Amino acid sequence: MNLRILSLFALFFFVLNSCQKQNDTVLRVYVGYNGQPKLGAKVVIDGVTPNAPYSPFVMEEITDVNGLAEFNLKEYIKPGSFGGSTVDCSVHLIKNSPQSDTIKTIFVEAFKTTKQEFLF
């Protein structure tokens, strides 16, 4: 009887853990200028998918009134990915500027939200 209860509990625990939903991998970039959020800055990320076949990706967003640009990387970092992805993040204070004002390399941890600040 105890073996049956223990087996049922183990099966229940296994099913419960295998049904957990993975969080999306999100990169949130905050851009500030003179102590205020910067509206309309262009943020570009450039990276490579973490699992084979390694394929490059480039994404671009414009900051909102809060100075935030958000990138959802769920299409590039899939379950089974190892650790996350390293991306180059460049910020253009003027969205149609031909060259960036700054660039940083950021490690985006898989299935978590990574936050990065760029202050000018």
PDB file of N, CA and C in Angstrom:
ATOM      1  N   MET A   1       0.820  -1.199   0.000  1.00  0.00           N
ATOM      2  CA  MET A   1       0.000   0.000   0.000  1.00  0.00           C
ATOM      3  C   MET A   1       0.867   1.267   0.000  1.00  0.00           C
ATOM      4  N   ASN A   2       1.902   1.281   0.880  1.00  0.00           N
ATOM      5  CA  ASN A   2       2.784   2.446   0.934  1.00  0.00           C
ATOM      6  C   ASN A   2       3.544   2.636  -0.366  1.00  0.00           C
ATOM      7  N   LEU A   3       3.929   1.532  -1.004  1.00  0.00           N
ATOM      8  CA  LEU A   3       4.638   1.613  -2.277  1.00  0.00           C
ATOM      9  C   LEU A   3       3.738   2.221  -3.352  1.00  0.00           C
ATOM     10  N   ARG A   4       2.471   1.866  -3.331  1.00  0.00           N
ATOM     11  CA  ARG A   4       1.522   2.399  -4.297  1.00  0.00           C
ATOM     12  C   ARG A   4       1.338   3.909  -4.111  1.00  0.00           C
ATOM     13  N   ILE A   5       1.226   4.345  -2.870  1.00  0.00           N
ATOM     14  CA  ILE A   5       1.072   5.779  -2.577  1.00  0.00           C
ATOM     15  C   ILE A   5       2.331   6.534  -2.978  1.00  0.00           C
ATOM     16  N   LEU A   6       3.477   5.968  -2.673  1.00  0.00           N
ATOM     17  CA  LEU A   6       4.741   6.596  -3.031  1.00  0.00           C
ATOM     18  C   LEU A   6       4.891   6.700  -4.548  1.00  0.00           C
ATOM     19  N   SER A   7       4.512   5.649  -5.275  1.00  0.00           N
ATOM     20  CA  SER A   7       4.578   5.659  -6.738  1.00  0.00           C
ATOM     21  C   SER A   7       3.627   6.703  -7.319  1.00  0.00           C
ATOM     22  N   LEU A   8       2.435   6.810  -6.764  1.00  0.00           N
ATOM     23  CA  LEU A   8       1.451   7.788  -7.218  1.00  0.00           C
ATOM     24  C   LEU A   8       1.960   9.213  -6.971  1.00  0.00           C
ATOM     25  N   PHE A   9       2.562   9.431  -5.805  1.00  0.00           N
ATOM     26  CA  PHE A   9       3.120  10.742  -5.482  1.00  0.00           C
ATOM     27  C   PHE A   9       4.263  11.101  -6.442  1.00  0.00           C
ATOM     28  N   ALA A  10       5.140  10.151  -6.746  1.00  0.00           N
ATOM     29  CA  ALA A  10       6.253  10.389  -7.671  1.00  0.00           C
ATOM     30  C   ALA A  10       5.739  10.709  -9.075  1.00  0.00           C
ATOM     31  N   LEU A  11       4.707   9.986  -9.532  1.00  0.00           N
ATOM     32  CA  LEU A  11       4.114  10.239 -10.843  1.00  0.00           C
ATOM     33  C   LEU A  11       3.484  11.628 -10.884  1.00  0.00           C
ATOM     34  N   PHE A  12       2.760  11.988  -9.832  1.00  0.00           N
ATOM     35  CA  PHE A  12       2.131  13.305  -9.749  1.00  0.00           C
ATOM     36  C   PHE A  12       3.189  14.409  -9.791  1.00  0.00           C
ATOM     37  N   PHE A  13       4.275  14.242  -9.046  1.00  0.00           N
ATOM     38  CA  PHE A  13       5.366  15.223  -9.012  1.00  0.00           C
ATOM     39  C   PHE A  13       6.002  15.373 -10.395  1.00  0.00           C
ATOM     40  N   PHE A  14       6.225  14.261 -11.100  1.00  0.00           N
ATOM     41  CA  PHE A  14       6.818  14.279 -12.434  1.00  0.00           C
ATOM     42  C   PHE A  14       5.911  15.018 -13.416  1.00  0.00           C
ATOM     43  N   VAL A  15       4.620  14.731 -13.394  1.00  0.00           N
ATOM     44  CA  VAL A  15       3.666  15.375 -14.303  1.00  0.00           C
ATOM     45  C   VAL A  15       3.583  16.865 -14.010  1.00  0.00           C
ATOM     46  N   LEU A  16       3.564  17.226 -12.762  1.00  0.00           N
ATOM     47  CA  LEU A  16       3.477  18.623 -12.377  1.00  0.00           C
ATOM     48  C   LEU A  16       4.690  19.407 -12.862  1.00  0.00           C
ATOM     49  N   ASN A  17       5.881  18.853 -12.735  1.00  0.00           N
ATOM     50  CA  ASN A  17       7.100  19.538 -13.177  1.00  0.00           C
ATOM     51  C   ASN A  17       7.222  19.595 -14.689  1.00  0.00           C
ATOM     52  N   SER A  18       6.767  18.587 -15.388  1.00  0.00           N
ATOM     53  CA  SER A  18       6.917  18.567 -16.840  1.00  0.00           C
ATOM     54  C   SER A  18       5.928  19.495 -17.534  1.00  0.00           C
ATOM     55  N   CYS A  19       4.907  19.945 -16.840  1.00  0.00           N
ATOM     56  CA  CYS A  19       3.912  20.827 -17.443  1.00  0.00           C
ATOM     57  C   CYS A  19       4.208  22.301 -17.188  1.00  0.00           C
ATOM     58  N   GLN A  20       5.311  22.611 -16.545  1.00  0.00           N
ATOM     59  CA  GLN A  20       5.636  23.997 -16.270  1.00  0.00           C
ATOM     60  C   GLN A  20       5.935  24.739 -17.556  1.00  0.00           C
ATOM     61  N   LYS A  21       5.372  25.942 -17.681  1.00  0.00           N
ATOM     62  CA  LYS A  21       5.613  26.775 -18.847  1.00  0.00           C
ATOM     63  C   LYS A  21       6.909  27.548 -18.647  1.00  0.00           C
ATOM     64  N   GLN A  22       7.723  27.567 -19.689  1.00  0.00           N
ATOM     65  CA  GLN A  22       8.950  28.358 -19.636  1.00  0.00           C
ATOM     66  C   GLN A  22       8.589  29.830 -19.849  1.00  0.00           C
ATOM     67  N   ASN A  23       9.234  30.718 -19.106  1.00  0.00           N
ATOM     68  CA  ASN A  23       9.058  32.144 -19.330  1.00  0.00           C
ATOM     69  C   ASN A  23       9.715  32.527 -20.643  1.00  0.00           C
ATOM     70  N   ASP A  24       9.214  33.605 -21.254  1.00  0.00           N
ATOM     71  CA  ASP A  24       9.869  34.134 -22.450  1.00  0.00           C
ATOM     72  C   ASP A  24      11.190  34.767 -22.043  1.00  0.00           C
ATOM     73  N   THR A  25      12.111  34.832 -22.981  1.00  0.00           N
ATOM     74  CA  THR A  25      13.382  35.516 -22.769  1.00  0.00           C
ATOM     75  C   THR A  25      13.199  36.944 -23.267  1.00  0.00           C
ATOM     76  N   VAL A  26      13.336  37.912 -22.363  1.00  0.00           N
ATOM     77  CA  VAL A  26      13.043  39.305 -22.686  1.00  0.00           C
ATOM     78  C   VAL A  26      14.253  40.172 -22.340  1.00  0.00           C
ATOM     79  N   LEU A  27      14.591  41.086 -23.235  1.00  0.00           N
ATOM     80  CA  LEU A  27      15.616  42.099 -22.977  1.00  0.00           C
ATOM     81  C   LEU A  27      14.911  43.448 -22.952  1.00  0.00           C
ATOM     82  N   ARG A  28      15.024  44.150 -21.822  1.00  0.00           N
ATOM     83  CA  ARG A  28      14.461  45.495 -21.689  1.00  0.00           C
ATOM     84  C   ARG A  28      15.619  46.481 -21.598  1.00  0.00           C
ATOM     85  N   VAL A  29      15.604  47.457 -22.491  1.00  0.00           N
ATOM     86  CA  VAL A  29      16.656  48.462 -22.541  1.00  0.00           C
ATOM     87  C   VAL A  29      16.043  49.813 -22.183  1.00  0.00           C
ATOM     88  N   TYR A  30      16.646  50.469 -21.187  1.00  0.00           N
ATOM     89  CA  TYR A  30      16.219  51.814 -20.783  1.00  0.00           C
ATOM     90  C   TYR A  30      17.259  52.810 -21.267  1.00  0.00           C
ATOM     91  N   VAL A  31      16.791  53.861 -21.946  1.00  0.00           N
ATOM     92  CA  VAL A  31      17.676  54.911 -22.437  1.00  0.00           C
ATOM     93  C   VAL A  31      17.286  56.211 -21.753  1.00  0.00           C
ATOM     94  N   GLY A  32      18.260  56.835 -21.094  1.00  0.00           N
ATOM     95  CA  GLY A  32      18.026  58.118 -20.430  1.00  0.00           C
ATOM     96  C   GLY A  32      18.976  59.168 -20.959  1.00  0.00           C
ATOM     97  N   TYR A  33      18.469  60.409 -21.046  1.00  0.00           N
ATOM     98  CA  TYR A  33      19.279  61.523 -21.525  1.00  0.00           C
ATOM     99  C   TYR A  33      19.078  62.707 -20.590  1.00  0.00           C
ATOM    100  N   ASN A  34      20.161  63.212 -20.010  1.00  0.00           N
ATOM    101  CA  ASN A  34      20.105  64.310 -19.032  1.00  0.00           C
ATOM    102  C   ASN A  34      19.149  64.007 -17.881  1.00  0.00           C
ATOM    103  N   GLY A  35      19.163  62.778 -17.416  1.00  0.00           N
ATOM    104  CA  GLY A  35      18.336  62.389 -16.276  1.00  0.00           C
ATOM    105  C   GLY A  35      16.875  62.117 -16.593  1.00  0.00           C
ATOM    106  N   GLN A  36      16.489  62.190 -17.846  1.00  0.00           N
ATOM    107  CA  GLN A  36      15.101  61.969 -18.255  1.00  0.00           C
ATOM    108  C   GLN A  36      15.031  60.806 -19.247  1.00  0.00           C
ATOM    109  N   PRO A  37      13.891  60.094 -19.296  1.00  0.00           N
ATOM    110  CA  PRO A  37      13.733  59.037 -20.304  1.00  0.00           C
ATOM    111  C   PRO A  37      13.820  59.625 -21.710  1.00  0.00           C
ATOM    112  N   LYS A  38      14.479  58.926 -22.595  1.00  0.00           N
ATOM    113  CA  LYS A  38      14.653  59.402 -23.977  1.00  0.00           C
ATOM    114  C   LYS A  38      13.615  58.755 -24.880  1.00  0.00           C
ATOM    115  N   LEU A  39      12.690  59.550 -25.388  1.00  0.00           N
ATOM    116  CA  LEU A  39      11.664  59.094 -26.317  1.00  0.00           C
ATOM    117  C   LEU A  39      12.235  59.100 -27.733  1.00  0.00           C
ATOM    118  N   GLY A  40      11.973  58.050 -28.493  1.00  0.00           N
ATOM    119  CA  GLY A  40      12.345  58.004 -29.905  1.00  0.00           C
ATOM    120  C   GLY A  40      13.788  57.637 -30.196  1.00  0.00           C
ATOM    121  N   ALA A  41      14.495  57.066 -29.235  1.00  0.00           N
ATOM    122  CA  ALA A  41      15.849  56.572 -29.526  1.00  0.00           C
ATOM    123  C   ALA A  41      15.728  55.199 -30.186  1.00  0.00           C
ATOM    124  N   LYS A  42      16.620  54.918 -31.120  1.00  0.00           N
ATOM    125  CA  LYS A  42      16.603  53.613 -31.799  1.00  0.00           C
ATOM    126  C   LYS A  42      17.576  52.681 -31.083  1.00  0.00           C
ATOM    127  N   VAL A  43      17.085  51.498 -30.711  1.00  0.00           N
ATOM    128  CA  VAL A  43      17.902  50.480 -30.052  1.00  0.00           C
ATOM    129  C   VAL A  43      17.950  49.269 -30.979  1.00  0.00           C
ATOM    130  N   VAL A  44      19.156  48.830 -31.304  1.00  0.00           N
ATOM    131  CA  VAL A  44      19.345  47.696 -32.216  1.00  0.00           C
ATOM    132  C   VAL A  44      20.131  46.622 -31.475  1.00  0.00           C
ATOM    133  N   ILE A  45      19.620  45.376 -31.523  1.00  0.00           N
ATOM    134  CA  ILE A  45      20.385  44.260 -30.968  1.00  0.00           C
ATOM    135  C   ILE A  45      20.775  43.325 -32.106  1.00  0.00           C
ATOM    136  N   ASP A  46      21.958  42.766 -31.977  1.00  0.00           N
ATOM    137  CA  ASP A  46      22.536  41.909 -33.008  1.00  0.00           C
ATOM    138  C   ASP A  46      23.131  40.706 -32.300  1.00  0.00           C
ATOM    139  N   GLY A  47      22.624  39.516 -32.585  1.00  0.00           N
ATOM    140  CA  GLY A  47      23.109  38.327 -31.898  1.00  0.00           C
ATOM    141  C   GLY A  47      23.062  37.095 -32.774  1.00  0.00           C
ATOM    142  N   VAL A  48      23.325  35.969 -32.144  1.00  0.00           N
ATOM    143  CA  VAL A  48      23.322  34.672 -32.827  1.00  0.00           C
ATOM    144  C   VAL A  48      22.543  33.706 -31.945  1.00  0.00           C
ATOM    145  N   THR A  49      21.705  32.862 -32.542  1.00  0.00           N
ATOM    146  CA  THR A  49      20.952  31.878 -31.775  1.00  0.00           C
ATOM    147  C   THR A  49      21.904  30.947 -31.043  1.00  0.00           C
ATOM    148  N   PRO A  50      21.551  30.550 -29.801  1.00  0.00           N
ATOM    149  CA  PRO A  50      22.486  29.771 -28.992  1.00  0.00           C
ATOM    150  C   PRO A  50      22.646  28.307 -29.387  1.00  0.00           C
ATOM    151  N   ASN A  51      21.710  27.729 -30.098  1.00  0.00           N
ATOM    152  CA  ASN A  51      21.802  26.308 -30.477  1.00  0.00           C
ATOM    153  C   ASN A  51      21.989  26.169 -31.981  1.00  0.00           C
ATOM    154  N   ALA A  52      22.642  25.095 -32.383  1.00  0.00           N
ATOM    155  CA  ALA A  52      22.839  24.835 -33.812  1.00  0.00           C
ATOM    156  C   ALA A  52      21.485  24.625 -34.487  1.00  0.00           C
ATOM    157  N   PRO A  53      21.279  25.055 -35.695  1.00  0.00           N
ATOM    158  CA  PRO A  53      22.216  25.815 -36.503  1.00  0.00           C
ATOM    159  C   PRO A  53      22.296  27.260 -36.001  1.00  0.00           C
ATOM    160  N   TYR A  54      23.497  27.742 -35.775  1.00  0.00           N
ATOM    161  CA  TYR A  54      23.703  29.096 -35.271  1.00  0.00           C
ATOM    162  C   TYR A  54      23.337  30.090 -36.367  1.00  0.00           C
ATOM    163  N   SER A  55      22.279  30.838 -36.152  1.00  0.00           N
ATOM    164  CA  SER A  55      21.871  31.800 -37.170  1.00  0.00           C
ATOM    165  C   SER A  55      21.797  33.195 -36.555  1.00  0.00           C
ATOM    166  N   PRO A  56      22.271  34.183 -37.296  1.00  0.00           N
ATOM    167  CA  PRO A  56      22.281  35.550 -36.770  1.00  0.00           C
ATOM    168  C   PRO A  56      20.875  36.150 -36.757  1.00  0.00           C
ATOM    169  N   PHE A  57      20.668  37.087 -35.852  1.00  0.00           N
ATOM    170  CA  PHE A  57      19.423  37.845 -35.846  1.00  0.00           C
ATOM    171  C   PHE A  57      19.721  39.289 -35.501  1.00  0.00           C
ATOM    172  N   VAL A  58      18.915  40.182 -36.060  1.00  0.00           N
ATOM    173  CA  VAL A  58      19.012  41.612 -35.779  1.00  0.00           C
ATOM    174  C   VAL A  58      17.594  42.093 -35.513  1.00  0.00           C
ATOM    175  N   MET A  59      17.427  42.811 -34.407  1.00  0.00           N
ATOM    176  CA  MET A  59      16.122  43.369 -34.060  1.00  0.00           C
ATOM    177  C   MET A  59      16.295  44.844 -33.731  1.00  0.00           C
ATOM    178  N   GLU A  60      15.264  45.616 -34.025  1.00  0.00           N
ATOM    179  CA  GLU A  60      15.314  47.056 -33.825  1.00  0.00           C
ATOM    180  C   GLU A  60      14.008  47.521 -33.189  1.00  0.00           C
ATOM    181  N   GLU A  61      14.117  48.385 -32.198  1.00  0.00           N
ATOM    182  CA  GLU A  61      12.947  48.960 -31.533  1.00  0.00           C
ATOM    183  C   GLU A  61      13.223  50.432 -31.266  1.00  0.00           C
ATOM    184  N   ILE A  62      12.152  51.211 -31.138  1.00  0.00           N
ATOM    185  CA  ILE A  62      12.226  52.627 -30.783  1.00  0.00           C
ATOM    186  C   ILE A  62      11.723  52.769 -29.353  1.00  0.00           C
ATOM    187  N   THR A  63      12.421  53.574 -28.543  1.00  0.00           N
ATOM    188  CA  THR A  63      12.023  53.726 -27.140  1.00  0.00           C
ATOM    189  C   THR A  63      10.682  54.446 -27.032  1.00  0.00           C
ATOM    190  N   ASP A  64       9.920  54.046 -26.015  1.00  0.00           N
ATOM    191  CA  ASP A  64       8.622  54.669 -25.757  1.00  0.00           C
ATOM    192  C   ASP A  64       8.798  55.893 -24.854  1.00  0.00           C
ATOM    193  N   VAL A  65       7.686  56.459 -24.367  1.00  0.00           N
ATOM    194  CA  VAL A  65       7.750  57.669 -23.534  1.00  0.00           C
ATOM    195  C   VAL A  65       8.489  57.438 -22.224  1.00  0.00           C
ATOM    196  N   ASN A  66       8.620  56.178 -21.803  1.00  0.00           N
ATOM    197  CA  ASN A  66       9.356  55.843 -20.587  1.00  0.00           C
ATOM    198  C   ASN A  66      10.827  55.540 -20.863  1.00  0.00           C
ATOM    199  N   GLY A  67      11.257  55.715 -22.111  1.00  0.00           N
ATOM    200  CA  GLY A  67      12.644  55.437 -22.476  1.00  0.00           C
ATOM    201  C   GLY A  67      12.941  53.958 -22.616  1.00  0.00           C
ATOM    202  N   LEU A  68      11.905  53.117 -22.740  1.00  0.00           N
ATOM    203  CA  LEU A  68      12.092  51.664 -22.796  1.00  0.00           C
ATOM    204  C   LEU A  68      11.923  51.105 -24.201  1.00  0.00           C
ATOM    205  N   ALA A  69      12.784  50.170 -24.531  1.00  0.00           N
ATOM    206  CA  ALA A  69      12.655  49.345 -25.733  1.00  0.00           C
ATOM    207  C   ALA A  69      12.683  47.906 -25.242  1.00  0.00           C
ATOM    208  N   GLU A  70      11.728  47.097 -25.684  1.00  0.00           N
ATOM    209  CA  GLU A  70      11.630  45.721 -25.195  1.00  0.00           C
ATOM    210  C   GLU A  70      11.732  44.753 -26.358  1.00  0.00           C
ATOM    211  N   PHE A  71      12.567  43.732 -26.160  1.00  0.00           N
ATOM    212  CA  PHE A  71      12.785  42.699 -27.170  1.00  0.00           C
ATOM    213  C   PHE A  71      12.403  41.349 -26.583  1.00  0.00           C
ATOM    214  N   ASN A  72      11.464  40.652 -27.220  1.00  0.00           N
ATOM    215  CA  ASN A  72      11.099  39.303 -26.803  1.00  0.00           C
ATOM    216  C   ASN A  72      11.855  38.331 -27.703  1.00  0.00           C
ATOM    217  N   LEU A  73      12.751  37.560 -27.097  1.00  0.00           N
ATOM    218  CA  LEU A  73      13.638  36.676 -27.862  1.00  0.00           C
ATOM    219  C   LEU A  73      13.149  35.225 -27.893  1.00  0.00           C
ATOM    220  N   LYS A  74      11.843  35.003 -27.659  1.00  0.00           N
ATOM    221  CA  LYS A  74      11.339  33.626 -27.603  1.00  0.00           C
ATOM    222  C   LYS A  74      11.488  32.886 -28.932  1.00  0.00           C
ATOM    223  N   GLU A  75      11.557  33.608 -30.043  1.00  0.00           N
ATOM    224  CA  GLU A  75      11.739  32.953 -31.340  1.00  0.00           C
ATOM    225  C   GLU A  75      13.190  32.511 -31.557  1.00  0.00           C
ATOM    226  N   TYR A  76      14.115  33.085 -30.784  1.00  0.00           N
ATOM    227  CA  TYR A  76      15.539  32.814 -30.985  1.00  0.00           C
ATOM    228  C   TYR A  76      16.139  31.949 -29.881  1.00  0.00           C
ATOM    229  N   ILE A  77      15.604  32.065 -28.667  1.00  0.00           N
ATOM    230  CA  ILE A  77      16.092  31.259 -27.548  1.00  0.00           C
ATOM    231  C   ILE A  77      14.965  30.305 -27.161  1.00  0.00           C
ATOM    232  N   LYS A  78      15.102  29.060 -27.552  1.00  0.00           N
ATOM    233  CA  LYS A  78      14.065  28.039 -27.381  1.00  0.00           C
ATOM    234  C   LYS A  78      14.371  27.154 -26.176  1.00  0.00           C
ATOM    235  N   PRO A  79      13.354  26.441 -25.652  1.00  0.00           N
ATOM    236  CA  PRO A  79      13.624  25.468 -24.590  1.00  0.00           C
ATOM    237  C   PRO A  79      14.720  24.503 -25.033  1.00  0.00           C
ATOM    238  N   GLY A  80      15.630  24.217 -24.127  1.00  0.00           N
ATOM    239  CA  GLY A  80      16.775  23.372 -24.441  1.00  0.00           C
ATOM    240  C   GLY A  80      18.008  24.185 -24.782  1.00  0.00           C
ATOM    241  N   SER A  81      17.818  25.507 -24.942  1.00  0.00           N
ATOM    242  CA  SER A  81      18.962  26.380 -25.199  1.00  0.00           C
ATOM    243  C   SER A  81      19.852  26.411 -23.973  1.00  0.00           C
ATOM    244  N   PHE A  82      21.135  26.514 -24.194  1.00  0.00           N
ATOM    245  CA  PHE A  82      22.088  26.500 -23.099  1.00  0.00           C
ATOM    246  C   PHE A  82      22.351  27.921 -22.626  1.00  0.00           C
ATOM    247  N   GLY A  83      21.880  28.270 -21.457  1.00  0.00           N
ATOM    248  CA  GLY A  83      22.248  29.511 -20.788  1.00  0.00           C
ATOM    249  C   GLY A  83      21.627  30.778 -21.284  1.00  0.00           C
ATOM    250  N   GLY A  84      21.684  31.057 -22.566  1.00  0.00           N
ATOM    251  CA  GLY A  84      21.174  32.301 -23.101  1.00  0.00           C
ATOM    252  C   GLY A  84      21.935  32.700 -24.349  1.00  0.00           C
ATOM    253  N   SER A  85      21.990  34.012 -24.597  1.00  0.00           N
ATOM    254  CA  SER A  85      22.635  34.498 -25.803  1.00  0.00           C
ATOM    255  C   SER A  85      23.358  35.804 -25.501  1.00  0.00           C
ATOM    256  N   THR A  86      24.469  36.008 -26.164  1.00  0.00           N
ATOM    257  CA  THR A  86      25.197  37.265 -26.061  1.00  0.00           C
ATOM    258  C   THR A  86      24.820  38.118 -27.264  1.00  0.00           C
ATOM    259  N   VAL A  87      24.408  39.364 -27.013  1.00  0.00           N
ATOM    260  CA  VAL A  87      24.004  40.259 -28.087  1.00  0.00           C
ATOM    261  C   VAL A  87      24.789  41.558 -27.991  1.00  0.00           C
ATOM    262  N   ASP A  88      25.033  42.171 -29.141  1.00  0.00           N
ATOM    263  CA  ASP A  88      25.574  43.520 -29.188  1.00  0.00           C
ATOM    264  C   ASP A  88      24.380  44.457 -29.248  1.00  0.00           C
ATOM    265  N   CYS A  89      24.343  45.425 -28.344  1.00  0.00           N
ATOM    266  CA  CYS A  89      23.230  46.361 -28.271  1.00  0.00           C
ATOM    267  C   CYS A  89      23.760  47.757 -28.566  1.00  0.00           C
ATOM    268  N   SER A  90      23.227  48.384 -29.601  1.00  0.00           N
ATOM    269  CA  SER A  90      23.655  49.746 -29.929  1.00  0.00           C
ATOM    270  C   SER A  90      22.472  50.691 -29.801  1.00  0.00           C
ATOM    271  N   VAL A  91      22.766  51.913 -29.340  1.00  0.00           N
ATOM    272  CA  VAL A  91      21.731  52.921 -29.120  1.00  0.00           C
ATOM    273  C   VAL A  91      22.042  54.135 -29.988  1.00  0.00           C
ATOM    274  N   HIS A  92      21.028  54.560 -30.746  1.00  0.00           N
ATOM    275  CA  HIS A  92      21.095  55.766 -31.562  1.00  0.00           C
ATOM    276  C   HIS A  92      20.137  56.769 -30.913  1.00  0.00           C
ATOM    277  N   LEU A  93      20.653  57.842 -30.321  1.00  0.00           N
ATOM    278  CA  LEU A  93      19.773  58.820 -29.672  1.00  0.00           C
ATOM    279  C   LEU A  93      18.805  59.445 -30.673  1.00  0.00           C
ATOM    280  N   ILE A  94      19.259  59.635 -31.896  1.00  0.00           N
ATOM    281  CA  ILE A  94      18.383  60.113 -32.971  1.00  0.00           C
ATOM    282  C   ILE A  94      18.122  58.907 -33.855  1.00  0.00           C
ATOM    283  N   LYS A  95      16.837  58.525 -34.012  1.00  0.00           N
ATOM    284  CA  LYS A  95      16.518  57.229 -34.621  1.00  0.00           C
ATOM    285  C   LYS A  95      16.997  57.039 -36.049  1.00  0.00           C
ATOM    286  N   ASN A  96      17.213  58.122 -36.828  1.00  0.00           N
ATOM    287  CA  ASN A  96      17.721  57.914 -38.180  1.00  0.00           C
ATOM    288  C   ASN A  96      19.181  58.338 -38.311  1.00  0.00           C
ATOM    289  N   SER A  97      19.886  58.349 -37.193  1.00  0.00           N
ATOM    290  CA  SER A  97      21.325  58.642 -37.207  1.00  0.00           C
ATOM    291  C   SER A  97      22.078  57.468 -37.828  1.00  0.00           C
ATOM    292  N   PRO A  98      23.054  57.750 -38.728  1.00  0.00           N
ATOM    293  CA  PRO A  98      23.771  56.656 -39.389  1.00  0.00           C
ATOM    294  C   PRO A  98      24.701  55.870 -38.472  1.00  0.00           C
ATOM    295  N   GLN A  99      25.156  56.472 -37.368  1.00  0.00           N
ATOM    296  CA  GLN A  99      26.029  55.722 -36.470  1.00  0.00           C
ATOM    297  C   GLN A  99      25.506  55.799 -35.042  1.00  0.00           C
ATOM    298  N   SER A 100      25.824  54.760 -34.281  1.00  0.00           N
ATOM    299  CA  SER A 100      25.290  54.673 -32.923  1.00  0.00           C
ATOM    300  C   SER A 100      26.071  55.580 -31.981  1.00  0.00           C
ATOM    301  N   ASP A 101      25.405  55.974 -30.905  1.00  0.00           N
ATOM    302  CA  ASP A 101      26.038  56.795 -29.879  1.00  0.00           C
ATOM    303  C   ASP A 101      26.800  55.932 -28.889  1.00  0.00           C
ATOM    304  N   THR A 102      26.392  54.683 -28.742  1.00  0.00           N
ATOM    305  CA  THR A 102      27.103  53.754 -27.858  1.00  0.00           C
ATOM    306  C   THR A 102      26.756  52.327 -28.251  1.00  0.00           C
ATOM    307  N   ILE A 103      27.627  51.414 -27.860  1.00  0.00           N
ATOM    308  CA  ILE A 103      27.378  49.991 -28.101  1.00  0.00           C
ATOM    309  C   ILE A 103      27.916  49.205 -26.908  1.00  0.00           C
ATOM    310  N   LYS A 104      27.162  48.191 -26.480  1.00  0.00           N
ATOM    311  CA  LYS A 104      27.578  47.325 -25.377  1.00  0.00           C
ATOM    312  C   LYS A 104      27.266  45.886 -25.753  1.00  0.00           C
ATOM    313  N   THR A 105      28.049  44.979 -25.213  1.00  0.00           N
ATOM    314  CA  THR A 105      27.747  43.561 -25.344  1.00  0.00           C
ATOM    315  C   THR A 105      27.048  43.119 -24.068  1.00  0.00           C
ATOM    316  N   ILE A 106      25.905  42.453 -24.234  1.00  0.00           N
ATOM    317  CA  ILE A 106      25.050  42.066 -23.113  1.00  0.00           C
ATOM    318  C   ILE A 106      24.798  40.563 -23.172  1.00  0.00           C
ATOM    319  N   PHE A 107      24.870  39.893 -22.022  1.00  0.00           N
ATOM    320  CA  PHE A 107      24.470  38.489 -21.961  1.00  0.00           C
ATOM    321  C   PHE A 107      23.015  38.448 -21.512  1.00  0.00           C
ATOM    322  N   VAL A 108      22.152  37.870 -22.346  1.00  0.00           N
ATOM    323  CA  VAL A 108      20.726  37.735 -22.053  1.00  0.00           C
ATOM    324  C   VAL A 108      20.504  36.322 -21.556  1.00  0.00           C
ATOM    325  N   GLU A 109      20.124  36.182 -20.285  1.00  0.00           N
ATOM    326  CA  GLU A 109      19.920  34.865 -19.701  1.00  0.00           C
ATOM    327  C   GLU A 109      18.615  34.268 -20.200  1.00  0.00           C
ATOM    328  N   ALA A 110      18.658  32.995 -20.579  1.00  0.00           N
ATOM    329  CA  ALA A 110      17.489  32.324 -21.136  1.00  0.00           C
ATOM    330  C   ALA A 110      16.344  32.271 -20.133  1.00  0.00           C
ATOM    331  N   PHE A 111      15.139  32.536 -20.624  1.00  0.00           N
ATOM    332  CA  PHE A 111      13.877  32.418 -19.893  1.00  0.00           C
ATOM    333  C   PHE A 111      13.778  33.360 -18.703  1.00  0.00           C
ATOM    334  N   LYS A 112      14.478  34.479 -18.783  1.00  0.00           N
ATOM    335  CA  LYS A 112      14.402  35.516 -17.756  1.00  0.00           C
ATOM    336  C   LYS A 112      14.337  36.870 -18.443  1.00  0.00           C
ATOM    337  N   THR A 113      14.055  37.896 -17.656  1.00  0.00           N
ATOM    338  CA  THR A 113      14.084  39.261 -18.171  1.00  0.00           C
ATOM    339  C   THR A 113      15.411  39.888 -17.790  1.00  0.00           C
ATOM    340  N   THR A 114      16.120  40.374 -18.783  1.00  0.00           N
ATOM    341  CA  THR A 114      17.395  41.059 -18.571  1.00  0.00           C
ATOM    342  C   THR A 114      17.160  42.545 -18.781  1.00  0.00           C
ATOM    343  N   LYS A 115      17.642  43.360 -17.838  1.00  0.00           N
ATOM    344  CA  LYS A 115      17.477  44.807 -17.941  1.00  0.00           C
ATOM    345  C   LYS A 115      18.834  45.460 -18.134  1.00  0.00           C
ATOM    346  N   GLN A 116      18.875  46.447 -19.009  1.00  0.00           N
ATOM    347  CA  GLN A 116      20.113  47.159 -19.290  1.00  0.00           C
ATOM    348  C   GLN A 116      19.802  48.649 -19.379  1.00  0.00           C
ATOM    349  N   GLU A 117      20.652  49.483 -18.799  1.00  0.00           N
ATOM    350  CA  GLU A 117      20.471  50.945 -18.849  1.00  0.00           C
ATOM    351  C   GLU A 117      21.568  51.576 -19.692  1.00  0.00           C
ATOM    352  N   PHE A 118      21.164  52.541 -20.499  1.00  0.00           N
ATOM    353  CA  PHE A 118      22.092  53.392 -21.228  1.00  0.00           C
ATOM    354  C   PHE A 118      21.772  54.820 -20.824  1.00  0.00           C
ATOM    355  N   LEU A 119      22.682  55.472 -20.124  1.00  0.00           N
ATOM    356  CA  LEU A 119      22.466  56.824 -19.636  1.00  0.00           C
ATOM    357  C   LEU A 119      23.440  57.774 -20.328  1.00  0.00           C
ATOM    358  N   PHE A 120      22.923  58.863 -20.827  1.00  0.00           N
ATOM    359  CA  PHE A 120      23.739  59.858 -21.529  1.00  0.00           C
ATOM    360  C   PHE A 120      23.669  61.174 -20.788  1.00  0.00           C
TER     361      PHE A 120
END
